């Protein structure tokens, strides 16, 4: 056979076989797909049926639960309505009982009012019959008898009032004294100061007559130069070998003292040297004044003071009152006021500052007119001190006190001034003060004798027992104390003791 023909037939056969194979494959695949689709449809149908069955079950359960919940609500509403009806019936019964009780109370009140009227009428009739019978028996009118009864009741009440007043006074006085002693003891035991400050130096010893002559100068020109530059008066002829410095301003006096000591030590005394010595002395004193003020501020523990206030306080180092150094007194008052404030729960820093500055006005009393308390308060306010400190400074002397710190500063001032040895006084002033105290007490009725003792800190009054009873003695002591407060000026406190003594004597034969 032709090879080409054979090859062609083989190709045709292969193509036929390929077509037949593809057809058979397509047919087989179609059969397989139809089976898969059928299986899928059956599965979906089954799932849908199951879902429909489950949804019916859930719907039935929900309906059952809703029905059960509706039944519960209906049952609760029925119970609530039943309870409401029972409560309404109970309230109605209670209201009926209340109405009945109110009616009974009104009836009883009406009966009581009627009985009260009857009792008042019976009491009035009894009073009238009693008064008529008493007038008939005693022969005294009703007005006179009433006056006697009122007078007797007044006397009884007055005696009872005075007795109770005296008991309360003694009780509160004992408590106040004990509390005051505790506070003062706790404060003063923490304070230590000198008994008396040093006296101001007003005289300077002169080594020789030659130095005295040079100090005087030709025709007194050196003395005049010193007086002109310092503003003081020099007395060189009053006492031998001594020159005395006379000036009301303690700062000028101190400048003159330092300058004189410098000139006497140098030996060259002439107007030019005097001016130079006074200038150096003034700088030295200013430095000493500032240092004294700063030391005092640190000692007391005061904070935030203006430098000018510190300098003014330093000037008090050279100021004395009744022999007491004023700066030392201010330091002491600041300490005591602060400790008293801490004992009673007040602001210790405010009290300490007010006590320290209370006499600052004395540094300017030679330059500004007016009481030192007013001057000091104005100066403190001028340099930014707060009102709660300025007010106690202004009120610590001869003013009505309006703040607790004012009382503390005044008390601390009195404690410092009244401390034994703190101040010196003349014998004449001492005796005059005692006589004035005794004369005030002698001016009251029933007083026999008066004794001022303990340096005028206590007044003992002996009274006539026939004119003054025990209850009147307490009132008399208060009256005498008030009279002393109004008529006299004194530091500290004065105790007034009224002594009533009655004696009964008999002779046995």
Protein backbone atom coordinates (compact mmCIF):
# COMPACT_ATOMS: atom_id res chain seq x y z
CA UNK A 1 0.00 0.00 0.00
CA UNK A 2 0.93 3.52 -0.49
CA UNK A 3 2.75 4.72 2.61
CA UNK A 4 1.26 8.09 2.28
CA UNK A 5 -2.21 6.60 2.18
CA UNK A 6 -1.43 4.53 5.22
CA UNK A 7 -0.25 7.59 7.04
CA UNK A 8 -3.38 9.47 6.05
CA UNK A 9 -5.64 6.68 7.24
CA UNK A 10 -3.74 6.54 10.50
CA UNK A 11 -4.23 10.25 10.97
CA UNK A 12 -7.92 10.00 10.22
CA UNK A 13 -8.27 7.11 12.60
CA UNK A 14 -6.46 9.02 15.33
CA UNK A 15 -8.71 12.00 14.76
CA UNK A 16 -11.82 9.83 14.89
CA UNK A 17 -10.65 8.20 18.07
CA UNK A 18 -9.93 11.61 19.57
CA UNK A 19 -13.39 12.88 18.71
CA UNK A 20 -14.99 9.76 20.10
CA UNK A 21 -12.90 10.05 23.28
CA UNK A 22 -13.87 13.66 23.77
CA UNK A 23 -17.52 12.85 23.23
CA UNK A 24 -17.37 9.98 25.67
CA UNK A 25 -15.57 12.19 28.23
CA UNK A 26 -18.13 14.96 27.93
CA UNK A 27 -20.95 12.47 28.30
CA UNK A 28 -19.36 10.95 31.39
CA UNK A 29 -18.68 14.33 32.95
CA UNK A 30 -22.26 15.43 32.36
CA UNK A 31 -23.49 12.35 34.13
CA UNK A 32 -21.22 13.05 37.05
CA UNK A 33 -22.28 16.75 37.27
CA UNK A 34 -25.94 15.92 37.20
CA UNK A 35 -25.46 13.48 40.05
CA UNK A 36 -23.54 16.11 42.09
CA UNK A 37 -26.21 18.72 41.45
CA UNK A 38 -28.87 16.25 42.46
CA UNK A 39 -27.00 15.47 45.68
CA UNK A 40 -26.56 19.18 46.43
CA UNK A 41 -30.23 19.88 45.82
CA UNK A 42 -31.19 17.05 48.12
CA UNK A 43 -28.84 18.34 50.85
CA UNK A 44 -30.17 21.89 50.54
CA UNK A 45 -33.73 20.65 50.64
CA UNK A 46 -32.96 18.70 53.78
CA UNK A 47 -31.28 21.75 55.46
CA UNK A 48 -34.20 23.98 54.54
CA UNK A 49 -36.59 21.49 56.03
CA UNK A 50 -34.50 21.27 59.19
CA UNK A 51 -34.33 25.09 59.47
CA UNK A 52 -38.10 25.32 58.98
CA UNK A 53 -38.60 22.73 61.69
CA UNK A 54 -36.20 24.56 64.08
CA UNK A 55 -37.84 27.93 63.45
CA UNK A 56 -41.23 26.44 64.21
CA UNK A 57 -39.84 25.06 67.46
CA UNK A 58 -38.30 28.44 68.42
CA UNK A 59 -41.53 30.25 67.55
CA UNK A 60 -43.51 27.85 69.69
CA UNK A 61 -41.09 28.27 72.62
CA UNK A 62 -41.32 32.08 72.33
CA UNK A 63 -45.09 31.94 72.25
CA UNK A 64 -45.10 29.69 75.30
CA UNK A 65 -42.75 32.03 77.20
CA UNK A 66 -44.77 35.10 76.21
CA UNK A 67 -47.92 33.42 77.40
CA UNK A 68 -46.24 32.46 80.68
CA UNK A 69 -44.91 36.04 81.20
CA UNK A 70 -48.36 37.48 80.38
CA UNK A 71 -49.92 35.17 82.94
CA UNK A 72 -47.36 36.23 85.59
CA UNK A 73 -48.00 39.92 84.92
CA UNK A 74 -51.71 39.39 85.09
CA UNK A 75 -51.30 37.53 88.38
CA UNK A 76 -49.11 40.30 89.86
CA UNK A 77 -51.57 42.97 88.72
CA UNK A 78 -54.38 41.06 90.33
CA UNK A 79 -52.42 40.73 93.58
CA UNK A 80 -51.46 44.44 93.51
CA UNK A 81 -55.04 45.50 92.92
CA UNK A 82 -56.20 43.25 95.75
CA UNK A 83 -53.48 44.72 98.10
CA UNK A 84 -54.40 48.27 97.06
CA UNK A 85 -58.03 47.63 97.94
CA UNK A 86 -56.99 46.21 101.32
CA UNK A 87 -54.72 49.25 102.00
CA UNK A 88 -57.50 51.62 101.02
CA UNK A 89 -59.86 49.90 103.42
CA UNK A 90 -57.21 50.07 106.20
CA UNK A 91 -56.64 53.79 105.56
CA UNK A 92 -60.35 54.40 105.68
CA UNK A 93 -60.57 52.59 109.02
CA UNK A 94 -57.58 54.60 110.38
CA UNK A 95 -59.09 57.86 109.14
CA UNK A 96 -62.36 57.01 110.87
CA UNK A 97 -60.47 56.30 114.12
CA UNK A 98 -58.54 59.60 113.79
CA UNK A 99 -61.74 61.50 113.18
CA UNK A 100 -63.29 59.83 116.19
CA UNK A 101 -60.23 60.63 118.37
CA UNK A 102 -60.21 64.24 117.18
CA UNK A 103 -63.86 64.57 118.06
CA UNK A 104 -63.16 63.10 121.49
CA UNK A 105 -60.22 65.52 121.99
CA UNK A 106 -62.39 68.47 121.01
CA UNK A 107 -64.97 67.33 123.49
CA UNK A 108 -62.33 66.91 126.22
CA UNK A 109 -60.80 70.30 125.38
CA UNK A 110 -64.18 71.92 125.64
CA UNK A 111 -64.70 70.23 129.01
CA UNK A 112 -61.25 71.33 130.22
CA UNK A 113 -61.87 74.90 129.14
CA UNK A 114 -65.14 74.87 130.96
CA UNK A 115 -63.48 73.45 134.08
CA UNK A 116 -60.65 75.99 133.79
CA UNK A 117 -63.14 78.81 133.71
CA UNK A 118 -64.88 77.36 136.73
CA UNK A 119 -61.53 76.99 138.58
CA UNK A 120 -60.47 80.52 137.72
CA UNK A 121 -63.78 81.86 138.93
CA UNK A 122 -63.52 79.78 142.12
CA UNK A 123 -59.91 80.94 142.63
CA UNK A 124 -60.88 84.56 142.11
CA UNK A 125 -63.75 84.19 144.56
CA UNK A 126 -61.38 82.55 147.07
CA UNK A 127 -58.81 85.32 146.64
CA UNK A 128 -61.44 87.97 147.15
CA UNK A 129 -62.82 86.23 150.24
CA UNK A 130 -59.26 85.70 151.58
CA UNK A 131 -58.30 89.32 150.95
CA UNK A 132 -61.51 90.53 152.56
CA UNK A 133 -60.97 88.29 155.57
CA UNK A 134 -57.30 89.36 155.89
CA UNK A 135 -58.27 93.02 155.72
CA UNK A 136 -60.90 92.43 158.38
CA UNK A 137 -58.52 90.49 160.67
CA UNK A 138 -55.36 92.60 160.23
CA UNK A 139 -56.96 95.95 159.82
CA UNK A 140 -54.58 96.58 156.81
CA UNK A 141 -55.58 97.56 153.30
CA UNK A 142 -54.91 95.31 150.35
CA UNK A 143 -52.35 97.68 148.79
CA UNK A 144 -50.38 97.92 152.02
CA UNK A 145 -50.31 94.13 152.43
CA UNK A 146 -49.17 93.73 148.82
CA UNK A 147 -46.37 96.23 149.35
CA UNK A 148 -45.18 94.34 152.43
CA UNK A 149 -45.20 91.02 150.58
CA UNK A 150 -43.37 92.48 147.60
CA UNK A 151 -40.78 94.07 149.87
CA UNK A 152 -40.20 90.78 151.69
CA UNK A 153 -39.93 88.86 148.41
CA UNK A 154 -37.55 91.49 147.05
CA UNK A 155 -35.31 91.25 150.11
CA UNK A 156 -35.31 87.46 149.97
CA UNK A 157 -34.53 87.42 146.25
CA UNK A 158 -31.83 90.07 146.60
CA UNK A 159 -30.07 88.11 149.30
CA UNK A 160 -30.37 84.89 147.28
CA UNK A 161 -29.10 86.64 144.16
CA UNK A 162 -26.10 88.10 145.97
CA UNK A 163 -25.34 84.75 147.58
CA UNK A 164 -25.44 82.90 144.27
CA UNK A 165 -23.52 85.67 142.56
CA UNK A 166 -20.82 85.42 145.21
CA UNK A 167 -20.63 81.63 144.86
CA UNK A 168 -20.40 81.87 141.07
CA UNK A 169 -17.85 84.65 141.31
CA UNK A 170 -15.63 82.64 143.65
CA UNK A 171 -15.96 79.54 141.50
CA UNK A 172 -15.17 81.28 138.22
CA UNK A 173 -12.45 83.35 139.83
CA UNK A 174 -10.73 80.23 141.15
CA UNK A 175 -10.98 78.58 137.74
CA UNK A 176 -9.75 81.70 135.95
CA UNK A 177 -6.90 82.19 138.42
CA UNK A 178 -5.82 78.58 138.05
CA UNK A 179 -5.95 78.78 134.25
CA UNK A 180 -4.14 82.12 134.22
CA UNK A 181 -1.45 80.79 136.55
CA UNK A 182 -0.92 77.79 134.30
CA UNK A 183 -0.63 79.97 131.20
CA UNK A 184 1.64 82.55 132.82
CA UNK A 185 3.80 79.92 134.49
CA UNK A 186 4.23 78.04 131.22
CA UNK A 187 5.14 81.29 129.46
CA UNK A 188 7.33 82.99 132.07
CA UNK A 189 9.40 79.92 132.90
CA UNK A 190 10.63 80.06 129.30
CA UNK A 191 11.67 83.72 129.64
CA UNK A 192 14.99 84.81 131.11
CA UNK A 193 16.02 88.48 131.16
CA UNK A 194 17.97 90.89 133.26
CA UNK A 195 16.25 92.31 136.30
CA UNK A 196 16.96 95.95 135.42
CA UNK A 197 18.50 97.40 132.29
CA UNK A 198 21.62 99.50 132.56
CA UNK A 199 21.12 103.20 133.13
CA UNK A 200 21.96 105.56 130.27
CA UNK A 201 25.44 107.10 130.40
CA UNK A 202 25.13 110.89 130.81
CA UNK A 203 28.58 111.76 132.17
CA UNK A 204 32.17 111.20 131.03
CA UNK A 205 35.26 111.32 133.29
CA UNK A 206 38.00 113.84 132.39
CA UNK A 207 41.57 112.59 133.01
CA UNK A 208 43.02 115.95 134.00
CA UNK A 209 42.43 119.68 134.22
CA UNK A 210 44.58 120.14 131.11
CA UNK A 211 42.21 117.98 129.08
CA UNK A 212 39.27 119.85 130.61
CA UNK A 213 40.81 123.16 129.50
CA UNK A 214 41.37 121.89 125.96
CA UNK A 215 37.81 120.58 125.92
CA UNK A 216 36.50 124.02 126.85
CA UNK A 217 38.78 125.78 124.39
CA UNK A 218 39.65 129.43 124.07
CA UNK A 219 36.64 131.42 125.30
CA UNK A 220 34.59 128.20 125.18
CA UNK A 221 34.76 127.78 121.40
CA UNK A 222 35.29 124.01 121.57
CA UNK A 223 32.27 123.46 123.80
CA UNK A 224 30.17 125.62 121.51
CA UNK A 225 31.39 123.63 118.50
CA UNK A 226 30.51 120.34 120.20
CA UNK A 227 27.05 121.62 121.20
CA UNK A 228 26.42 123.01 117.71
CA UNK A 229 27.43 119.77 115.97
CA UNK A 230 25.66 117.34 118.33
CA UNK A 231 22.66 119.34 119.58
CA UNK A 232 23.36 118.63 123.26
CA UNK A 233 24.29 120.73 126.27
CA UNK A 234 27.65 120.11 128.00
CA UNK A 235 28.01 120.80 131.72
CA UNK A 236 31.66 120.91 132.77
CA UNK A 237 31.54 122.88 136.02
CA UNK A 238 28.86 120.98 137.98
CA UNK A 239 31.09 118.11 139.10
CA UNK A 240 34.88 117.93 139.22
CA UNK A 241 36.73 115.78 136.69
CA UNK A 242 33.48 115.04 134.87
CA UNK A 243 31.62 116.44 131.89
CA UNK A 244 27.84 115.88 131.86
CA UNK A 245 25.79 115.53 128.69
CA UNK A 246 22.24 116.95 128.81
CA UNK A 247 19.76 116.22 126.02
CA UNK A 248 16.28 114.75 125.73
CA UNK A 249 17.18 112.88 122.54
CA UNK A 250 19.08 109.70 123.54
CA UNK A 251 20.62 109.31 120.07
CA UNK A 252 22.13 112.78 120.16
CA UNK A 253 23.36 112.12 123.65
CA UNK A 254 25.03 108.89 122.51
CA UNK A 255 26.63 110.61 119.49
CA UNK A 256 28.01 113.31 121.80
CA UNK A 257 29.30 110.69 124.24
CA UNK A 258 31.13 108.72 121.55
CA UNK A 259 32.57 111.92 120.04
CA UNK A 260 33.79 113.19 123.43
CA UNK A 261 35.44 109.86 124.24
CA UNK A 262 37.13 109.93 120.82
CA UNK A 263 38.33 113.54 121.26
CA UNK A 264 39.60 113.00 124.82
CA UNK A 265 41.48 109.89 123.72
CA UNK A 266 43.00 111.69 120.71
CA UNK A 267 43.90 114.82 122.70
CA UNK A 268 43.65 117.14 119.69
CA UNK A 269 40.51 119.16 120.37
CA UNK A 270 39.68 121.93 117.90
CA UNK A 271 36.60 122.83 115.80
CA UNK A 272 37.80 120.96 112.69
CA UNK A 273 38.66 117.84 114.68
CA UNK A 274 35.33 118.15 116.52
CA UNK A 275 33.36 118.14 113.25
CA UNK A 276 35.31 115.10 112.03
CA UNK A 277 34.85 113.26 115.36
CA UNK A 278 31.10 113.99 115.43
CA UNK A 279 30.71 112.80 111.84
CA UNK A 280 32.52 109.53 112.59
CA UNK A 281 30.59 109.11 115.84
CA UNK A 282 27.29 109.60 114.05
CA UNK A 283 28.18 106.87 111.55
CA UNK A 284 29.28 104.62 114.40
CA UNK A 285 26.07 105.20 116.35
CA UNK A 286 23.95 104.65 113.22
CA UNK A 287 25.73 101.35 112.67
CA UNK A 288 25.25 100.40 116.33
CA UNK A 289 21.55 101.35 116.12
CA UNK A 290 20.99 99.22 113.03
CA UNK A 291 22.88 96.28 114.55
CA UNK A 292 20.92 96.56 117.81
CA UNK A 293 17.66 96.50 115.85
CA UNK A 294 18.74 93.52 113.75
CA UNK A 295 19.92 91.61 116.83
CA UNK A 296 16.61 92.29 118.58
CA UNK A 297 14.62 91.15 115.53
CA UNK A 298 16.62 87.91 115.37
CA UNK A 299 16.27 87.35 119.11
CA UNK A 300 12.48 87.70 119.05
CA UNK A 301 12.07 85.81 115.77
CA UNK A 302 10.08 88.46 113.89
CA UNK A 303 10.07 88.13 110.10
CA UNK A 304 9.47 90.52 107.22
CA UNK A 305 10.13 93.87 108.94
CA UNK A 306 11.01 96.90 106.83
CA UNK A 307 14.66 97.99 107.36
CA UNK A 308 13.51 101.40 108.61
CA UNK A 309 11.37 99.75 111.29
CA UNK A 310 14.38 97.67 112.33
CA UNK A 311 16.45 100.86 112.59
CA UNK A 312 13.77 102.61 114.64
CA UNK A 313 13.68 99.66 117.03
CA UNK A 314 17.47 99.90 117.34
CA UNK A 315 17.12 103.52 118.49
CA UNK A 316 15.25 102.27 121.54
CA UNK A 317 18.52 100.78 122.78
CA UNK A 318 19.36 104.27 124.06
CA UNK A 319 15.89 105.02 125.41
CA UNK A 320 14.94 104.30 129.05
CA UNK A 321 11.57 104.40 130.81
CA UNK A 322 11.46 104.25 134.61
CA UNK A 323 15.05 102.99 134.49
CA UNK A 324 14.14 100.13 132.12
CA UNK A 325 15.75 99.85 128.69
CA UNK A 326 12.91 100.21 126.17
CA UNK A 327 14.43 97.90 123.53
CA UNK A 328 14.97 95.17 126.12
CA UNK A 329 11.40 95.75 127.30
CA UNK A 330 10.08 95.35 123.71
CA UNK A 331 12.02 92.11 123.25
CA UNK A 332 10.60 90.81 126.52
CA UNK A 333 7.02 91.80 125.61
CA UNK A 334 7.40 90.13 122.20
CA UNK A 335 8.52 86.87 123.82
CA UNK A 336 5.76 86.92 126.46
CA UNK A 337 3.01 87.84 123.98
CA UNK A 338 4.07 85.04 121.63
CA UNK A 339 4.14 82.47 124.42
CA UNK A 340 0.75 83.58 125.78
CA UNK A 341 -0.73 83.33 122.28
CA UNK A 342 0.64 79.82 121.81
CA UNK A 343 -0.87 78.79 125.17
CA UNK A 344 -4.40 79.91 124.23
CA UNK A 345 -4.31 78.91 120.56
CA UNK A 346 -3.96 82.41 119.04
CA UNK A 347 -1.56 83.39 116.24
CA UNK A 348 1.79 83.42 118.03
CA UNK A 349 3.67 85.16 115.20
CA UNK A 350 1.17 88.05 115.05
CA UNK A 351 1.21 88.45 118.85
CA UNK A 352 5.01 88.29 118.93
CA UNK A 353 5.36 90.95 116.22
CA UNK A 354 2.77 93.25 117.82
CA UNK A 355 4.42 92.88 121.24
CA UNK A 356 7.86 93.60 119.82
CA UNK A 357 6.68 96.75 117.99
CA UNK A 358 4.26 98.02 120.64
CA UNK A 359 6.61 100.80 121.91
CA UNK A 360 8.19 101.74 118.58
CA UNK A 361 6.51 105.13 118.86
CA UNK A 362 8.87 106.00 121.71
CA UNK A 363 11.69 106.21 119.17
CA UNK A 364 9.94 109.24 117.64
CA UNK A 365 8.29 110.94 120.63
CA UNK A 366 10.86 113.77 120.50
CA UNK A 367 10.17 114.36 116.82
CA UNK A 368 6.42 113.75 116.45
CA UNK A 369 3.66 115.01 118.73
CA UNK A 370 1.11 112.64 120.19
CA UNK A 371 0.88 109.49 122.34
CA UNK A 372 3.56 106.94 121.57
CA UNK A 373 0.95 104.22 120.89
CA UNK A 374 -0.69 106.32 118.16
CA UNK A 375 2.68 107.33 116.71
CA UNK A 376 3.89 103.74 116.68
CA UNK A 377 0.72 102.44 115.00
CA UNK A 378 0.91 105.11 112.29
CA UNK A 379 4.59 104.40 111.61
CA UNK A 380 3.99 100.63 111.48
CA UNK A 381 1.12 101.08 109.02
CA UNK A 382 3.27 103.44 106.93
CA UNK A 383 5.87 100.68 106.46
CA UNK A 384 3.40 97.99 105.42
CA UNK A 385 2.56 96.28 108.72
CA UNK A 386 -0.83 94.53 108.56
CA UNK A 387 -3.88 95.80 110.44
CA UNK A 388 -4.00 92.76 112.75
CA UNK A 389 -0.63 93.97 114.13
CA UNK A 390 -1.21 97.74 113.87
CA UNK A 391 -4.44 97.58 115.91
CA UNK A 392 -2.81 95.98 119.02
CA UNK A 393 0.01 98.56 118.83
CA UNK A 394 -2.57 101.36 118.86
CA UNK A 395 -4.72 99.80 121.60
CA UNK A 396 -2.10 98.72 124.14
CA UNK A 397 -2.46 101.99 126.09
CA UNK A 398 -5.64 103.84 127.14
CA UNK A 399 -7.84 102.47 124.34
CA UNK A 400 -10.73 100.03 124.24
CA UNK A 401 -9.38 96.71 123.00
CA UNK A 402 -11.12 95.10 120.05
CA UNK A 403 -8.94 92.08 119.21
CA UNK A 404 -7.59 89.13 121.22
CA UNK A 405 -4.02 90.09 120.29
CA UNK A 406 -4.58 93.53 121.85
CA UNK A 407 -5.35 91.88 125.19
CA UNK A 408 -2.29 89.64 124.86
CA UNK A 409 0.03 92.56 124.11
CA UNK A 410 -1.40 94.63 126.97
CA UNK A 411 -1.03 91.67 129.34
CA UNK A 412 2.56 91.04 128.22
CA UNK A 413 3.35 94.75 128.60
CA UNK A 414 1.92 94.73 132.13
CA UNK A 415 3.82 91.54 133.02
CA UNK A 416 7.11 93.00 131.82
CA UNK A 417 6.54 96.31 133.60
CA UNK A 418 5.28 94.71 136.81
CA UNK A 419 8.11 92.20 137.09
CA UNK A 420 9.99 92.90 140.35
CA UNK A 421 12.98 95.11 139.64
CA UNK A 422 11.98 95.82 136.05
CA UNK A 423 11.37 99.51 136.70
CA UNK A 424 12.54 101.98 139.25
CA UNK A 425 10.36 104.62 140.87
CA UNK A 426 10.74 107.41 143.38
CA UNK A 427 9.71 107.05 147.00
CA UNK A 428 7.33 110.01 146.70
CA UNK A 429 5.47 108.51 143.72
CA UNK A 430 5.26 105.17 145.49
CA UNK A 431 3.70 106.66 148.64
CA UNK A 432 1.37 108.85 146.61
CA UNK A 433 0.09 105.83 144.68
CA UNK A 434 -0.59 103.92 147.91
CA UNK A 435 -2.46 106.89 149.41
CA UNK A 436 -4.60 107.25 146.29
CA UNK A 437 -5.52 103.57 146.43
CA UNK A 438 -6.52 103.80 150.08
CA UNK A 439 -8.51 107.02 149.54
CA UNK A 440 -10.57 105.45 146.74
CA UNK A 441 -11.63 102.58 149.02
CA UNK A 442 -12.33 104.89 151.98
CA UNK A 443 -14.98 106.72 149.95
CA UNK A 444 -17.50 103.86 150.24
CA UNK A 445 -20.09 103.48 153.00
CA UNK A 446 -19.40 100.90 155.67
CA UNK A 447 -15.60 100.99 155.23
CA UNK A 448 -13.65 101.22 158.49
CA UNK A 449 -10.01 100.87 157.52
CA UNK A 450 -8.03 100.37 154.30
CA UNK A 451 -4.53 98.96 153.80
CA UNK A 452 -2.62 99.01 150.50
CA UNK A 453 -0.01 96.24 150.63
CA UNK A 454 2.39 94.37 148.34
CA UNK A 455 3.62 97.58 146.69
CA UNK A 456 0.08 98.57 145.77
CA UNK A 457 -0.81 95.23 144.16
CA UNK A 458 -3.41 94.42 146.83
CA UNK A 459 -5.93 96.50 148.79
CA UNK A 460 -7.49 95.09 151.94
CA UNK A 461 -10.69 96.75 153.13
CA UNK A 462 -12.10 96.20 156.63
CA UNK A 463 -15.85 96.91 156.79
CA UNK A 464 -18.42 97.42 159.53
CA UNK A 465 -20.33 94.12 159.92
CA UNK A 466 -23.43 96.03 161.03
CA UNK A 467 -23.60 97.94 157.73
CA UNK A 468 -22.23 95.39 155.27
CA UNK A 469 -23.41 91.77 155.21
CA UNK A 470 -21.72 88.83 153.49
CA UNK A 471 -23.62 89.29 150.25
CA UNK A 472 -22.89 93.03 150.15
CA UNK A 473 -19.16 92.39 150.65
CA UNK A 474 -18.84 90.82 147.20
CA UNK A 475 -20.66 93.71 145.53
CA UNK A 476 -18.52 96.20 147.49
CA UNK A 477 -15.27 94.62 146.27
CA UNK A 478 -16.49 94.91 142.67
CA UNK A 479 -17.50 98.55 143.18
CA UNK A 480 -14.10 99.43 144.68
CA UNK A 481 -12.29 97.67 141.83
CA UNK A 482 -14.33 99.58 139.24
CA UNK A 483 -13.64 102.87 141.03
CA UNK A 484 -9.89 102.15 140.99
CA UNK A 485 -10.06 101.38 137.27
CA UNK A 486 -11.86 104.66 136.55
CA UNK A 487 -9.85 107.01 138.78
CA UNK A 488 -6.28 105.70 138.83
CA UNK A 489 -3.62 104.69 136.35
CA UNK A 490 -1.46 101.74 137.34
CA UNK A 491 0.52 98.90 135.74
CA UNK A 492 -0.59 95.31 136.13
CA UNK A 493 -3.47 94.16 138.33
CA UNK A 494 -4.73 95.21 141.77
CA UNK A 495 -6.60 92.73 143.95
CA UNK A 496 -9.33 94.13 146.21
CA UNK A 497 -10.16 92.05 149.30
CA UNK A 498 -13.12 93.01 151.52
CA UNK A 499 -12.90 91.59 155.06
CA UNK A 500 -16.02 91.44 157.23
CA UNK A 501 -15.49 90.28 160.78
CA UNK A 502 -18.15 90.08 163.47
CA UNK A 503 -17.40 89.25 167.10
CA UNK A 504 -19.69 88.25 169.93
CA UNK A 505 -18.48 88.66 173.51
CA UNK A 506 -19.91 87.49 176.80
CA UNK A 507 -18.61 87.52 180.36
CA UNK A 508 -19.10 84.57 182.66
CA UNK A 509 -19.29 85.48 186.36
